[in-house]
Amino acid sequence: MLLWLLAAGAAFGLSAGLGAKYSADYTAPGSDSKQAQQLLARDFPGLGGESISLVLTSDGSVTDAATRDRVKDLLARMAKVPHVSGIDDPYGPRGRVSADGRTALGQIHLDVAVAPDMPKADTQQLLDLARPVDGGVRVHLGGMTVQLAEQGAIGSEGIGIAAW
């Protein structure tokens, strides 16, 4: 048993010390992903990168004038965060409001191609802006970019080793 533990420790140490850092590059020249990104950038500027889901909920209506004003102010502040290339207003043609009027959905478009390229500090700035909305309105942000900003330092390898 001790020999197995030593072998596993040596293998882990070697892979950590000599192995290359994992990288998912979806922008490699000639790849389908790169071509799709180029087409989106050409034909739909501002929509070719990563995005964050923006969900508004309220105990009352998300469509009343006071709530719309609060949301308009919030979206204006979010639009100033670095790497935000555009926002689909939940009340606009690309947004959606639920049939009961208590939930609305929009998108925050980023100028980064993939979630790991978005600085965590900028995502955290969006999360901080989303928290203090008044009037019973709750703002939820979601997507890979948000998950990466909120996750701790431990990776799946650490969880696997701890469970072993």
N, C-alpha and C. Protein backbone atom coordinates (compact mmCIF):
# COMPACT_ATOMS: atom_id res chain seq x y z
N MET A 1 0.82 -1.18 0.00
CA MET A 1 0.00 0.00 0.00
C MET A 1 0.88 1.26 0.00
N LEU A 2 1.93 1.23 0.78
CA LEU A 2 2.83 2.38 0.84
C LEU A 2 3.48 2.64 -0.52
N LEU A 3 3.83 1.56 -1.22
CA LEU A 3 4.42 1.69 -2.55
C LEU A 3 3.46 2.37 -3.52
N TRP A 4 2.17 2.03 -3.44
CA TRP A 4 1.15 2.65 -4.29
C TRP A 4 1.02 4.15 -3.98
N LEU A 5 1.04 4.49 -2.71
CA LEU A 5 0.95 5.90 -2.33
C LEU A 5 2.16 6.69 -2.82
N LEU A 6 3.35 6.10 -2.70
CA LEU A 6 4.56 6.76 -3.18
C LEU A 6 4.51 6.93 -4.70
N ALA A 7 4.07 5.91 -5.40
CA ALA A 7 3.97 5.98 -6.87
C ALA A 7 2.95 7.05 -7.29
N ALA A 8 1.81 7.10 -6.61
CA ALA A 8 0.80 8.09 -6.95
C ALA A 8 1.32 9.50 -6.65
N GLY A 9 2.01 9.65 -5.53
CA GLY A 9 2.58 10.95 -5.18
C GLY A 9 3.63 11.40 -6.18
N ALA A 10 4.48 10.46 -6.61
CA ALA A 10 5.51 10.78 -7.60
C ALA A 10 4.87 11.16 -8.94
N ALA A 11 3.85 10.42 -9.35
CA ALA A 11 3.18 10.72 -10.62
C ALA A 11 2.51 12.10 -10.57
N PHE A 12 1.87 12.39 -9.46
CA PHE A 12 1.22 13.69 -9.31
C PHE A 12 2.25 14.82 -9.31
N GLY A 13 3.33 14.61 -8.59
CA GLY A 13 4.39 15.62 -8.53
C GLY A 13 5.02 15.88 -9.88
N LEU A 14 5.29 14.81 -10.62
CA LEU A 14 5.87 14.96 -11.95
C LEU A 14 4.92 15.68 -12.91
N SER A 15 3.64 15.31 -12.85
CA SER A 15 2.69 15.96 -13.76
C SER A 15 2.52 17.43 -13.42
N ALA A 16 2.54 17.75 -12.13
CA ALA A 16 2.40 19.15 -11.74
C ALA A 16 3.65 19.96 -12.09
N GLY A 17 4.81 19.33 -11.95
CA GLY A 17 6.06 20.05 -12.20
C GLY A 17 6.46 20.11 -13.66
N LEU A 18 6.14 19.08 -14.42
CA LEU A 18 6.60 19.01 -15.80
C LEU A 18 5.50 19.18 -16.84
N GLY A 19 4.27 18.98 -16.43
CA GLY A 19 3.16 19.04 -17.38
C GLY A 19 2.88 20.45 -17.84
N ALA A 20 2.33 20.58 -19.02
CA ALA A 20 1.96 21.88 -19.56
C ALA A 20 0.65 22.34 -18.94
N LYS A 21 0.47 23.65 -18.87
CA LYS A 21 -0.76 24.20 -18.35
C LYS A 21 -1.88 23.94 -19.37
N TYR A 22 -3.04 23.49 -18.87
CA TYR A 22 -4.18 23.24 -19.75
C TYR A 22 -4.68 24.54 -20.34
N SER A 23 -5.00 24.50 -21.61
CA SER A 23 -5.54 25.67 -22.28
C SER A 23 -6.56 25.24 -23.32
N ALA A 24 -7.71 25.87 -23.31
CA ALA A 24 -8.73 25.62 -24.33
C ALA A 24 -8.75 26.84 -25.25
N ASP A 25 -8.17 26.70 -26.42
CA ASP A 25 -8.07 27.82 -27.35
C ASP A 25 -9.07 27.62 -28.49
N TYR A 26 -10.14 28.41 -28.44
CA TYR A 26 -11.17 28.31 -29.47
C TYR A 26 -10.95 29.32 -30.59
N THR A 27 -9.78 29.96 -30.58
CA THR A 27 -9.51 30.99 -31.57
C THR A 27 -8.40 30.58 -32.53
N ALA A 28 -8.08 29.31 -32.60
CA ALA A 28 -7.01 28.84 -33.48
C ALA A 28 -7.37 29.16 -34.93
N PRO A 29 -6.42 29.71 -35.70
CA PRO A 29 -6.70 30.05 -37.10
C PRO A 29 -7.19 28.84 -37.88
N GLY A 30 -8.24 29.04 -38.68
CA GLY A 30 -8.76 27.98 -39.52
C GLY A 30 -9.77 27.07 -38.84
N SER A 31 -9.92 27.19 -37.53
CA SER A 31 -10.87 26.31 -36.83
C SER A 31 -12.30 26.79 -37.08
N ASP A 32 -13.25 25.87 -36.92
CA ASP A 32 -14.65 26.23 -37.09
C ASP A 32 -15.06 27.32 -36.10
N SER A 33 -14.55 27.23 -34.87
CA SER A 33 -14.89 28.23 -33.86
C SER A 33 -14.38 29.61 -34.26
N LYS A 34 -13.17 29.67 -34.79
CA LYS A 34 -12.60 30.96 -35.21
C LYS A 34 -13.42 31.53 -36.37
N GLN A 35 -13.79 30.68 -37.33
CA GLN A 35 -14.58 31.15 -38.46
C GLN A 35 -15.94 31.68 -38.00
N ALA A 36 -16.55 30.97 -37.05
CA ALA A 36 -17.84 31.43 -36.53
C ALA A 36 -17.69 32.77 -35.82
N GLN A 37 -16.61 32.93 -35.05
CA GLN A 37 -16.37 34.20 -34.37
C GLN A 37 -16.17 35.34 -35.37
N GLN A 38 -15.46 35.06 -36.46
CA GLN A 38 -15.23 36.09 -37.47
C GLN A 38 -16.53 36.49 -38.17
N LEU A 39 -17.38 35.50 -38.47
CA LEU A 39 -18.67 35.80 -39.10
C LEU A 39 -19.56 36.62 -38.17
N LEU A 40 -19.59 36.24 -36.90
CA LEU A 40 -20.40 37.01 -35.95
C LEU A 40 -19.88 38.44 -35.82
N ALA A 41 -18.56 38.59 -35.75
CA ALA A 41 -17.98 39.93 -35.62
C ALA A 41 -18.30 40.78 -36.84
N ARG A 42 -18.29 40.16 -38.03
CA ARG A 42 -18.55 40.91 -39.26
C ARG A 42 -20.04 41.25 -39.41
N ASP A 43 -20.91 40.25 -39.19
CA ASP A 43 -22.33 40.42 -39.47
C ASP A 43 -23.17 40.88 -38.28
N PHE A 44 -22.69 40.60 -37.07
CA PHE A 44 -23.41 40.98 -35.85
C PHE A 44 -22.43 41.54 -34.83
N PRO A 45 -21.91 42.73 -35.06
CA PRO A 45 -20.90 43.30 -34.15
C PRO A 45 -21.39 43.31 -32.70
N GLY A 46 -20.51 42.95 -31.82
CA GLY A 46 -20.84 42.93 -30.40
C GLY A 46 -21.47 41.65 -29.91
N LEU A 47 -21.79 40.72 -30.82
CA LEU A 47 -22.45 39.48 -30.41
C LEU A 47 -21.56 38.26 -30.59
N GLY A 48 -20.33 38.42 -31.00
CA GLY A 48 -19.47 37.28 -31.31
C GLY A 48 -18.68 36.74 -30.14
N GLY A 49 -18.78 37.34 -28.99
CA GLY A 49 -17.98 36.89 -27.87
C GLY A 49 -18.80 36.16 -26.83
N GLU A 50 -18.22 36.08 -25.67
CA GLU A 50 -18.87 35.45 -24.53
C GLU A 50 -20.03 36.34 -24.07
N SER A 51 -21.00 35.75 -23.37
CA SER A 51 -22.10 36.56 -22.84
C SER A 51 -22.47 36.08 -21.44
N ILE A 52 -23.16 36.94 -20.73
CA ILE A 52 -23.63 36.66 -19.39
C ILE A 52 -25.14 36.82 -19.39
N SER A 53 -25.85 35.84 -18.85
CA SER A 53 -27.30 35.94 -18.73
C SER A 53 -27.65 36.91 -17.62
N LEU A 54 -28.62 37.74 -17.87
CA LEU A 54 -29.11 38.73 -16.91
C LEU A 54 -30.58 38.42 -16.65
N VAL A 55 -30.89 38.03 -15.41
CA VAL A 55 -32.26 37.67 -15.05
C VAL A 55 -32.74 38.60 -13.94
N LEU A 56 -33.87 39.23 -14.17
CA LEU A 56 -34.50 40.11 -13.18
C LEU A 56 -35.73 39.41 -12.63
N THR A 57 -35.89 39.43 -11.32
CA THR A 57 -37.10 38.88 -10.72
C THR A 57 -37.64 39.89 -9.73
N SER A 58 -38.94 39.81 -9.49
CA SER A 58 -39.58 40.73 -8.56
C SER A 58 -40.82 40.06 -7.99
N ASP A 59 -41.18 40.45 -6.77
CA ASP A 59 -42.42 39.97 -6.19
C ASP A 59 -43.61 40.63 -6.89
N GLY A 60 -43.39 41.83 -7.38
CA GLY A 60 -44.41 42.54 -8.14
C GLY A 60 -44.09 42.44 -9.63
N SER A 61 -44.43 43.44 -10.36
CA SER A 61 -44.19 43.45 -11.80
C SER A 61 -42.82 44.03 -12.13
N VAL A 62 -42.11 43.38 -13.04
CA VAL A 62 -40.82 43.92 -13.50
C VAL A 62 -41.02 44.96 -14.59
N THR A 63 -42.28 45.17 -15.00
CA THR A 63 -42.54 46.09 -16.11
C THR A 63 -43.09 47.44 -15.66
N ASP A 64 -43.29 47.64 -14.36
CA ASP A 64 -43.82 48.95 -13.94
C ASP A 64 -42.74 50.02 -14.15
N ALA A 65 -43.17 51.28 -14.20
CA ALA A 65 -42.28 52.39 -14.57
C ALA A 65 -41.10 52.53 -13.61
N ALA A 66 -41.32 52.39 -12.32
CA ALA A 66 -40.24 52.55 -11.34
C ALA A 66 -39.18 51.46 -11.52
N THR A 67 -39.62 50.24 -11.75
CA THR A 67 -38.67 49.14 -11.96
C THR A 67 -37.91 49.34 -13.25
N ARG A 68 -38.59 49.74 -14.31
CA ARG A 68 -37.90 50.00 -15.58
C ARG A 68 -36.83 51.07 -15.42
N ASP A 69 -37.12 52.12 -14.65
CA ASP A 69 -36.13 53.18 -14.43
C ASP A 69 -34.92 52.64 -13.67
N ARG A 70 -35.17 51.82 -12.64
CA ARG A 70 -34.06 51.23 -11.89
C ARG A 70 -33.20 50.34 -12.79
N VAL A 71 -33.86 49.55 -13.61
CA VAL A 71 -33.14 48.63 -14.51
C VAL A 71 -32.37 49.43 -15.56
N LYS A 72 -32.97 50.47 -16.10
CA LYS A 72 -32.27 51.31 -17.09
C LYS A 72 -31.00 51.89 -16.49
N ASP A 73 -31.07 52.38 -15.24
CA ASP A 73 -29.90 52.92 -14.56
C ASP A 73 -28.85 51.82 -14.35
N LEU A 74 -29.27 50.65 -13.92
CA LEU A 74 -28.36 49.52 -13.71
C LEU A 74 -27.65 49.14 -15.01
N LEU A 75 -28.40 49.03 -16.09
CA LEU A 75 -27.80 48.64 -17.37
C LEU A 75 -26.80 49.70 -17.86
N ALA A 76 -27.09 50.95 -17.62
CA ALA A 76 -26.15 52.02 -18.01
C ALA A 76 -24.84 51.89 -17.24
N ARG A 77 -24.92 51.56 -15.94
CA ARG A 77 -23.70 51.38 -15.15
C ARG A 77 -22.95 50.12 -15.58
N MET A 78 -23.68 49.06 -15.88
CA MET A 78 -23.04 47.82 -16.33
C MET A 78 -22.35 48.00 -17.68
N ALA A 79 -22.93 48.82 -18.54
CA ALA A 79 -22.36 49.04 -19.87
C ALA A 79 -20.98 49.70 -19.81
N LYS A 80 -20.68 50.36 -18.68
CA LYS A 80 -19.39 51.04 -18.52
C LYS A 80 -18.29 50.13 -18.00
N VAL A 81 -18.63 48.90 -17.63
CA VAL A 81 -17.63 47.95 -17.11
C VAL A 81 -16.74 47.51 -18.27
N PRO A 82 -15.43 47.43 -18.05
CA PRO A 82 -14.53 46.98 -19.12
C PRO A 82 -14.96 45.62 -19.69
N HIS A 83 -14.83 45.47 -20.98
CA HIS A 83 -15.13 44.27 -21.76
C HIS A 83 -16.61 44.06 -22.05
N VAL A 84 -17.48 44.93 -21.55
CA VAL A 84 -18.90 44.85 -21.91
C VAL A 84 -19.06 45.55 -23.25
N SER A 85 -19.47 44.79 -24.26
CA SER A 85 -19.60 45.37 -25.61
C SER A 85 -21.04 45.75 -25.94
N GLY A 86 -21.98 45.28 -25.15
CA GLY A 86 -23.38 45.62 -25.38
C GLY A 86 -24.27 44.86 -24.41
N ILE A 87 -25.48 45.35 -24.26
CA ILE A 87 -26.45 44.70 -23.37
C ILE A 87 -27.78 44.63 -24.09
N ASP A 88 -28.36 43.44 -24.12
CA ASP A 88 -29.71 43.28 -24.64
C ASP A 88 -30.68 43.63 -23.51
N ASP A 89 -31.34 44.76 -23.66
CA ASP A 89 -32.29 45.25 -22.67
C ASP A 89 -33.40 44.20 -22.50
N PRO A 90 -33.71 43.82 -21.26
CA PRO A 90 -34.78 42.85 -21.04
C PRO A 90 -36.13 43.30 -21.60
N TYR A 91 -36.31 44.61 -21.76
CA TYR A 91 -37.57 45.14 -22.27
C TYR A 91 -37.52 45.41 -23.78
N GLY A 92 -36.37 45.19 -24.39
CA GLY A 92 -36.20 45.45 -25.81
C GLY A 92 -36.55 44.24 -26.66
N PRO A 93 -36.28 44.33 -27.97
CA PRO A 93 -36.66 43.26 -28.89
C PRO A 93 -35.92 41.94 -28.64
N ARG A 94 -34.72 41.98 -28.06
CA ARG A 94 -33.98 40.75 -27.78
C ARG A 94 -34.22 40.24 -26.36
N GLY A 95 -34.88 41.02 -25.56
CA GLY A 95 -35.17 40.60 -24.19
C GLY A 95 -36.49 39.85 -24.12
N ARG A 96 -36.77 39.34 -22.93
CA ARG A 96 -38.02 38.62 -22.73
C ARG A 96 -38.56 38.92 -21.34
N VAL A 97 -39.88 39.00 -21.26
CA VAL A 97 -40.57 39.15 -19.98
C VAL A 97 -41.54 37.99 -19.87
N SER A 98 -41.57 37.36 -18.70
CA SER A 98 -42.44 36.21 -18.49
C SER A 98 -43.91 36.61 -18.58
N ALA A 99 -44.77 35.63 -18.80
CA ALA A 99 -46.20 35.89 -18.95
C ALA A 99 -46.80 36.53 -17.70
N ASP A 100 -46.29 36.18 -16.52
CA ASP A 100 -46.83 36.76 -15.29
C ASP A 100 -46.19 38.10 -14.94
N GLY A 101 -45.20 38.55 -15.73
CA GLY A 101 -44.59 39.86 -15.54
C GLY A 101 -43.65 39.97 -14.35
N ARG A 102 -43.25 38.85 -13.77
CA ARG A 102 -42.38 38.88 -12.59
C ARG A 102 -40.92 38.56 -12.89
N THR A 103 -40.63 38.16 -14.11
CA THR A 103 -39.26 37.80 -14.49
C THR A 103 -38.95 38.36 -15.87
N ALA A 104 -37.75 38.88 -16.01
CA ALA A 104 -37.30 39.40 -17.31
C ALA A 104 -35.90 38.88 -17.58
N LEU A 105 -35.58 38.69 -18.86
CA LEU A 105 -34.30 38.12 -19.25
C LEU A 105 -33.62 39.00 -20.29
N GLY A 106 -32.34 39.26 -20.08
CA GLY A 106 -31.51 39.99 -21.04
C GLY A 106 -30.15 39.30 -21.15
N GLN A 107 -29.26 39.88 -21.92
CA GLN A 107 -27.91 39.34 -22.10
C GLN A 107 -26.91 40.48 -22.02
N ILE A 108 -25.78 40.19 -21.37
CA ILE A 108 -24.65 41.12 -21.36
C ILE A 108 -23.62 40.53 -22.30
N HIS A 109 -23.30 41.24 -23.36
CA HIS A 109 -22.33 40.76 -24.35
C HIS A 109 -20.94 41.29 -24.01
N LEU A 110 -19.96 40.41 -24.13
CA LEU A 110 -18.58 40.76 -23.79
C LEU A 110 -17.72 40.75 -25.04
N ASP A 111 -16.61 41.46 -24.99
CA ASP A 111 -15.70 41.49 -26.14
C ASP A 111 -14.60 40.44 -26.04
N VAL A 112 -14.76 39.47 -25.16
CA VAL A 112 -13.80 38.37 -25.06
C VAL A 112 -14.40 37.15 -25.74
N ALA A 113 -13.55 36.35 -26.37
CA ALA A 113 -14.04 35.20 -27.14
C ALA A 113 -14.52 34.07 -26.25
N VAL A 114 -13.83 33.83 -25.15
CA VAL A 114 -14.17 32.72 -24.26
C VAL A 114 -14.13 33.21 -22.81
N ALA A 115 -14.87 32.54 -21.96
CA ALA A 115 -15.02 32.96 -20.56
C ALA A 115 -13.69 33.14 -19.82
N PRO A 116 -12.71 32.24 -19.97
CA PRO A 116 -11.46 32.43 -19.23
C PRO A 116 -10.70 33.71 -19.59
N ASP A 117 -11.03 34.33 -20.73
CA ASP A 117 -10.36 35.57 -21.13
C ASP A 117 -10.91 36.80 -20.40
N MET A 118 -12.05 36.67 -19.75
CA MET A 118 -12.65 37.79 -19.03
C MET A 118 -11.98 37.93 -17.67
N PRO A 119 -11.38 39.08 -17.38
CA PRO A 119 -10.77 39.27 -16.06
C PRO A 119 -11.80 39.10 -14.94
N LYS A 120 -11.44 38.34 -13.93
CA LYS A 120 -12.37 38.09 -12.82
C LYS A 120 -12.79 39.39 -12.14
N ALA A 121 -11.89 40.35 -12.07
CA ALA A 121 -12.22 41.63 -11.42
C ALA A 121 -13.35 42.35 -12.15
N ASP A 122 -13.36 42.26 -13.47
CA ASP A 122 -14.42 42.92 -14.24
C ASP A 122 -15.76 42.19 -14.06
N THR A 123 -15.72 40.86 -14.02
CA THR A 123 -16.94 40.10 -13.75
C THR A 123 -17.44 40.41 -12.35
N GLN A 124 -16.52 40.51 -11.39
CA GLN A 124 -16.91 40.83 -10.02
C GLN A 124 -17.55 42.21 -9.95
N GLN A 125 -17.08 43.13 -10.77
CA GLN A 125 -17.68 44.47 -10.82
C GLN A 125 -19.14 44.38 -11.27
N LEU A 126 -19.42 43.53 -12.27
CA LEU A 126 -20.80 43.33 -12.71
C LEU A 126 -21.64 42.71 -11.59
N LEU A 127 -21.07 41.72 -10.90
CA LEU A 127 -21.79 41.08 -9.79
C LEU A 127 -22.08 42.09 -8.69
N ASP A 128 -21.13 42.96 -8.39
CA ASP A 128 -21.33 43.98 -7.35
C ASP A 128 -22.43 44.97 -7.74
N LEU A 129 -22.46 45.34 -9.01
CA LEU A 129 -23.51 46.25 -9.48
C LEU A 129 -24.89 45.60 -9.39
N ALA A 130 -24.95 44.30 -9.61
CA ALA A 130 -26.24 43.59 -9.63
C ALA A 130 -26.85 43.45 -8.25
N ARG A 131 -26.05 43.53 -7.22
CA ARG A 131 -26.56 43.23 -5.87
C ARG A 131 -27.46 44.30 -5.25
N PRO A 132 -27.16 45.58 -5.37
CA PRO A 132 -27.93 46.55 -4.58
C PRO A 132 -29.18 47.16 -5.23
N VAL A 133 -29.80 46.50 -6.19
CA VAL A 133 -30.98 47.09 -6.83
C VAL A 133 -32.12 47.16 -5.82
N ASP A 134 -32.82 48.29 -5.80
CA ASP A 134 -33.88 48.54 -4.81
C ASP A 134 -35.25 48.13 -5.34
N GLY A 135 -36.26 48.33 -4.50
CA GLY A 135 -37.65 48.17 -4.91
C GLY A 135 -38.10 46.74 -5.09
N GLY A 136 -37.48 45.80 -4.41
CA GLY A 136 -37.90 44.40 -4.52
C GLY A 136 -37.42 43.71 -5.78
N VAL A 137 -36.56 44.35 -6.54
CA VAL A 137 -36.02 43.75 -7.77
C VAL A 137 -34.73 43.01 -7.42
N ARG A 138 -34.65 41.78 -7.86
CA ARG A 138 -33.44 40.97 -7.67
C ARG A 138 -32.82 40.72 -9.03
N VAL A 139 -31.51 40.86 -9.11
CA VAL A 139 -30.78 40.68 -10.36
C VAL A 139 -29.85 39.48 -10.19
N HIS A 140 -29.94 38.56 -11.12
CA HIS A 140 -29.11 37.37 -11.10
C HIS A 140 -28.30 37.32 -12.38
N LEU A 141 -27.01 37.07 -12.27
CA LEU A 141 -26.14 36.92 -13.43
C LEU A 141 -25.70 35.47 -13.50
N GLY A 142 -25.61 34.95 -14.72
CA GLY A 142 -25.21 33.56 -14.87
C GLY A 142 -24.43 33.32 -16.14
N GLY A 143 -23.77 32.17 -16.17
CA GLY A 143 -22.96 31.77 -17.31
C GLY A 143 -21.57 31.37 -16.86
N MET A 144 -20.80 30.88 -17.79
CA MET A 144 -19.46 30.39 -17.49
C MET A 144 -18.56 31.49 -16.93
N THR A 145 -18.68 32.69 -17.45
CA THR A 145 -17.86 33.81 -16.96
C THR A 145 -18.12 34.06 -15.49
N VAL A 146 -19.38 34.04 -15.08
CA VAL A 146 -19.74 34.25 -13.68
C VAL A 146 -19.26 33.08 -12.83
N GLN A 147 -19.42 31.87 -13.32
CA GLN A 147 -18.95 30.70 -12.57
C GLN A 147 -17.45 30.77 -12.32
N LEU A 148 -16.69 31.16 -13.32
CA LEU A 148 -15.24 31.25 -13.16
C LEU A 148 -14.86 32.32 -12.14
N ALA A 149 -15.60 33.43 -12.12
CA ALA A 149 -15.29 34.50 -11.17
C ALA A 149 -15.65 34.11 -9.74
N GLU A 150 -16.68 33.29 -9.59
CA GLU A 150 -17.14 32.92 -8.25
C GLU A 150 -16.46 31.69 -7.67
N GLN A 151 -15.84 30.88 -8.51
CA GLN A 151 -15.25 29.64 -8.00
C GLN A 151 -14.00 29.92 -7.18
N GLY A 152 -13.72 29.02 -6.26
CA GLY A 152 -12.54 29.14 -5.42
C GLY A 152 -11.30 28.68 -6.16
N ALA A 153 -10.19 28.66 -5.44
CA ALA A 153 -8.90 28.32 -6.04
C ALA A 153 -8.73 26.82 -6.27
N ILE A 154 -9.48 25.98 -5.57
CA ILE A 154 -9.30 24.54 -5.71
C ILE A 154 -9.93 24.06 -7.01
N GLY A 155 -9.22 23.23 -7.72
CA GLY A 155 -9.72 22.70 -8.98
C GLY A 155 -10.27 21.30 -8.80
N SER A 156 -10.73 20.70 -9.88
CA SER A 156 -11.31 19.37 -9.81
C SER A 156 -10.28 18.33 -9.42
N GLU A 157 -9.00 18.56 -9.75
CA GLU A 157 -7.97 17.61 -9.35
C GLU A 157 -7.86 17.54 -7.84
N GLY A 158 -7.93 18.69 -7.19
CA GLY A 158 -7.86 18.73 -5.73
C GLY A 158 -9.03 18.02 -5.08
N ILE A 159 -10.21 18.16 -5.66
CA ILE A 159 -11.38 17.48 -5.13
C ILE A 159 -11.23 15.96 -5.29
N GLY A 160 -10.74 15.53 -6.45
CA GLY A 160 -10.53 14.11 -6.69
C GLY A 160 -9.53 13.51 -5.73
N ILE A 161 -8.44 14.21 -5.49
CA ILE A 161 -7.41 13.71 -4.58
C ILE A 161 -7.95 13.68 -3.15
N ALA A 162 -8.71 14.70 -2.77
CA ALA A 162 -9.28 14.73 -1.42
C ALA A 162 -10.26 13.59 -1.22
N ALA A 163 -11.01 13.24 -2.26
CA ALA A 163 -11.98 12.16 -2.16
C ALA A 163 -11.31 10.79 -2.17
N TRP A 164 -10.12 10.71 -2.73
CA TRP A 164 -9.42 9.43 -2.84
C TRP A 164 -8.99 9.00 -1.51
